[in-house]
Amino acid sequence: MKTIQQRPLADLESGMRVAAAVTDASGRVLLPAGAELTAAMIASLERREIADVAVEVEVAEDPAVVAAYRSKIQAQLDKLFRRAGAGAETRALYDAILTYRLEQCT
């Protein structure tokens, strides 16, 4: 699962992906969101005295946490769909919403 963390320049590494646009003091965009960091980019940010950068960081998922989250989402959907019937279309919509919500947590 990916999370967004604010990291000081000393902790940045080449290959990390910028999560939010990096701007200077006057608001000019130095790096757009989604840019992959290189050593030259990190050095440039240091010269411009940028203190930290929001980056995407991969974290290991705990299976118990994922299962608990899935159960919570299913309980919410069960409540929403309690009177929707048991047709194929209803089940397809339920499954699509469940898949979407589970993807949002990763």
C-alpha atoms as a PDB file:
ATOM      1  CA  MET A   1       0.000   0.000   0.000  1.00  0.00           C
ATOM      2  CA  LYS A   2       1.230   3.500  -0.746  1.00  0.00           C
ATOM      3  CA  THR A   3       1.034   6.361   1.703  1.00  0.00           C
ATOM      4  CA  ILE A   4       2.058   9.984   1.451  1.00  0.00           C
ATOM      5  CA  GLN A   5       4.782  11.172   3.808  1.00  0.00           C
ATOM      6  CA  GLN A   6       6.465  14.520   4.242  1.00  0.00           C
ATOM      7  CA  ARG A   7      10.206  13.783   4.102  1.00  0.00           C
ATOM      8  CA  PRO A   8      13.188  16.086   4.730  1.00  0.00           C
ATOM      9  CA  LEU A   9      15.608  16.432   1.802  1.00  0.00           C
ATOM     10  CA  ALA A  10      18.215  14.297   3.576  1.00  0.00           C
ATOM     11  CA  ASP A  11      15.802  11.337   3.470  1.00  0.00           C
ATOM     12  CA  LEU A  12      14.933  11.638  -0.229  1.00  0.00           C
ATOM     13  CA  GLU A  13      16.267   9.096  -2.706  1.00  0.00           C
ATOM     14  CA  SER A  14      16.361   8.888  -6.479  1.00  0.00           C
ATOM     15  CA  GLY A  15      13.330   7.052  -7.806  1.00  0.00           C
ATOM     16  CA  MET A  16      10.871   8.335  -5.195  1.00  0.00           C
ATOM     17  CA  ARG A  17       7.651   9.798  -6.605  1.00  0.00           C
ATOM     18  CA  VAL A  18       6.556  13.313  -5.616  1.00  0.00           C
ATOM     19  CA  ALA A  19       3.031  13.214  -4.131  1.00  0.00           C
ATOM     20  CA  ALA A  20       2.256  16.955  -4.247  1.00  0.00           C
ATOM     21  CA  ALA A  21       3.718  19.739  -6.348  1.00  0.00           C
ATOM     22  CA  VAL A  22       6.833  21.319  -4.850  1.00  0.00           C
ATOM     23  CA  THR A  23       6.756  25.116  -4.987  1.00  0.00           C
ATOM     24  CA  ASP A  24       9.221  27.829  -4.073  1.00  0.00           C
ATOM     25  CA  ALA A  25       8.522  30.793  -1.771  1.00  0.00           C
ATOM     26  CA  SER A  26       6.855  32.751  -4.587  1.00  0.00           C
ATOM     27  CA  GLY A  27       4.572  29.859  -5.540  1.00  0.00           C
ATOM     28  CA  ARG A  28       6.340  28.738  -8.716  1.00  0.00           C
ATOM     29  CA  VAL A  29       6.146  24.995  -9.306  1.00  0.00           C
ATOM     30  CA  LEU A  30       9.592  23.438  -9.084  1.00  0.00           C
ATOM     31  CA  LEU A  31       8.424  19.833  -9.407  1.00  0.00           C
ATOM     32  CA  PRO A  32       4.948  18.666 -10.419  1.00  0.00           C
ATOM     33  CA  ALA A  33       3.066  15.987  -8.520  1.00  0.00           C
ATOM     34  CA  GLY A  34       3.947  12.563  -9.897  1.00  0.00           C
ATOM     35  CA  ALA A  35       7.529  13.456 -10.864  1.00  0.00           C
ATOM     36  CA  GLU A  36      10.147  10.801 -10.184  1.00  0.00           C
ATOM     37  CA  LEU A  37      13.050  12.238  -8.203  1.00  0.00           C
ATOM     38  CA  THR A  38      16.617  12.162  -9.503  1.00  0.00           C
ATOM     39  CA  ALA A  39      19.834  13.096  -7.717  1.00  0.00           C
ATOM     40  CA  ALA A  40      19.974  16.320  -9.756  1.00  0.00           C
ATOM     41  CA  MET A  41      16.438  17.275  -8.714  1.00  0.00           C
ATOM     42  CA  ILE A  42      17.226  16.682  -5.050  1.00  0.00           C
ATOM     43  CA  ALA A  43      20.384  18.801  -5.335  1.00  0.00           C
ATOM     44  CA  SER A  44      18.390  21.567  -7.031  1.00  0.00           C
ATOM     45  CA  LEU A  45      15.806  21.535  -4.236  1.00  0.00           C
ATOM     46  CA  GLU A  46      18.614  21.794  -1.699  1.00  0.00           C
ATOM     47  CA  ARG A  47      20.088  24.827  -3.494  1.00  0.00           C
ATOM     48  CA  ARG A  48      16.648  26.461  -3.408  1.00  0.00           C
ATOM     49  CA  GLU A  49      16.408  25.747   0.336  1.00  0.00           C
ATOM     50  CA  ILE A  50      13.320  23.538   0.140  1.00  0.00           C
ATOM     51  CA  ALA A  51      13.001  21.900   3.571  1.00  0.00           C
ATOM     52  CA  ASP A  52      10.868  18.856   2.785  1.00  0.00           C
ATOM     53  CA  VAL A  53       8.863  17.141   0.066  1.00  0.00           C
ATOM     54  CA  ALA A  54       5.689  15.024   0.121  1.00  0.00           C
ATOM     55  CA  VAL A  55       6.497  11.662  -1.458  1.00  0.00           C
ATOM     56  CA  GLU A  56       4.666   8.385  -2.025  1.00  0.00           C
ATOM     57  CA  VAL A  57       6.071   5.624   0.147  1.00  0.00           C
ATOM     58  CA  GLU A  58       5.312   1.922  -0.148  1.00  0.00           C
ATOM     59  CA  VAL A  59       4.392   0.349   3.188  1.00  0.00           C
ATOM     60  CA  ALA A  60       3.790  -3.308   3.932  1.00  0.00           C
ATOM     61  CA  GLU A  61       0.149  -4.188   4.459  1.00  0.00           C
ATOM     62  CA  ASP A  62      -0.839  -6.056   7.596  1.00  0.00           C
ATOM     63  CA  PRO A  63      -3.276  -8.809   6.521  1.00  0.00           C
ATOM     64  CA  ALA A  64      -5.303  -8.380   9.723  1.00  0.00           C
ATOM     65  CA  VAL A  65      -5.760  -4.656   9.069  1.00  0.00           C
ATOM     66  CA  VAL A  66      -6.789  -5.294   5.462  1.00  0.00           C
ATOM     67  CA  ALA A  67      -9.303  -7.951   6.560  1.00  0.00           C
ATOM     68  CA  ALA A  68     -10.764  -5.618   9.192  1.00  0.00           C
ATOM     69  CA  TYR A  69     -11.064  -2.800   6.657  1.00  0.00           C
ATOM     70  CA  ARG A  70     -12.734  -5.124   4.156  1.00  0.00           C
ATOM     71  CA  SER A  71     -15.231  -6.269   6.816  1.00  0.00           C
ATOM     72  CA  LYS A  72     -16.006  -2.662   7.703  1.00  0.00           C
ATOM     73  CA  ILE A  73     -16.626  -1.731   4.050  1.00  0.00           C
ATOM     74  CA  GLN A  74     -18.783  -4.819   3.500  1.00  0.00           C
ATOM     75  CA  ALA A  75     -20.870  -3.988   6.591  1.00  0.00           C
ATOM     76  CA  GLN A  76     -21.444  -0.450   5.285  1.00  0.00           C
ATOM     77  CA  LEU A  77     -22.449  -1.748   1.858  1.00  0.00           C
ATOM     78  CA  ASP A  78     -24.699  -4.428   3.354  1.00  0.00           C
ATOM     79  CA  LYS A  79     -26.560  -1.684   5.202  1.00  0.00           C
ATOM     80  CA  LEU A  80     -26.861   0.447   2.054  1.00  0.00           C
ATOM     81  CA  PHE A  81     -28.006  -2.495  -0.079  1.00  0.00           C
ATOM     82  CA  ARG A  82     -30.296  -4.136   2.514  1.00  0.00           C
ATOM     83  CA  ARG A  83     -33.456  -3.400   0.489  1.00  0.00           C
ATOM     84  CA  ALA A  84     -31.972  -3.451  -2.998  1.00  0.00           C
ATOM     85  CA  GLY A  85     -32.874  -7.031  -3.835  1.00  0.00           C
ATOM     86  CA  ALA A  86     -30.704  -9.950  -4.865  1.00  0.00           C
ATOM     87  CA  GLY A  87     -30.654  -9.524  -8.639  1.00  0.00           C
ATOM     88  CA  ALA A  88     -27.563  -9.901 -10.815  1.00  0.00           C
ATOM     89  CA  GLU A  89     -27.434  -6.173 -11.526  1.00  0.00           C
ATOM     90  CA  THR A  90     -27.587  -5.322  -7.822  1.00  0.00           C
ATOM     91  CA  ARG A  91     -24.809  -7.801  -7.049  1.00  0.00           C
ATOM     92  CA  ALA A  92     -22.669  -6.380  -9.879  1.00  0.00           C
ATOM     93  CA  LEU A  93     -23.115  -2.853  -8.503  1.00  0.00           C
ATOM     94  CA  TYR A  94     -22.308  -4.033  -4.962  1.00  0.00           C
ATOM     95  CA  ASP A  95     -19.137  -5.766  -6.181  1.00  0.00           C
ATOM     96  CA  ALA A  96     -18.079  -2.725  -8.234  1.00  0.00           C
ATOM     97  CA  ILE A  97     -18.485  -0.388  -5.259  1.00  0.00           C
ATOM     98  CA  LEU A  98     -16.665  -2.811  -2.957  1.00  0.00           C
ATOM     99  CA  THR A  99     -13.760  -3.083  -5.398  1.00  0.00           C
ATOM    100  CA  TYR A 100     -13.594   0.703  -5.803  1.00  0.00           C
ATOM    101  CA  ARG A 101     -13.611   1.359  -2.051  1.00  0.00           C
ATOM    102  CA  LEU A 102     -10.960  -1.264  -1.403  1.00  0.00           C
ATOM    103  CA  GLU A 103      -8.734   0.232  -4.112  1.00  0.00           C
ATOM    104  CA  GLN A 104      -9.023   3.663  -2.460  1.00  0.00           C
ATOM    105  CA  CYS A 105      -7.256   2.408   0.656  1.00  0.00           C
ATOM    106  CA  THR A 106      -4.212   1.234  -1.317  1.00  0.00           C
END
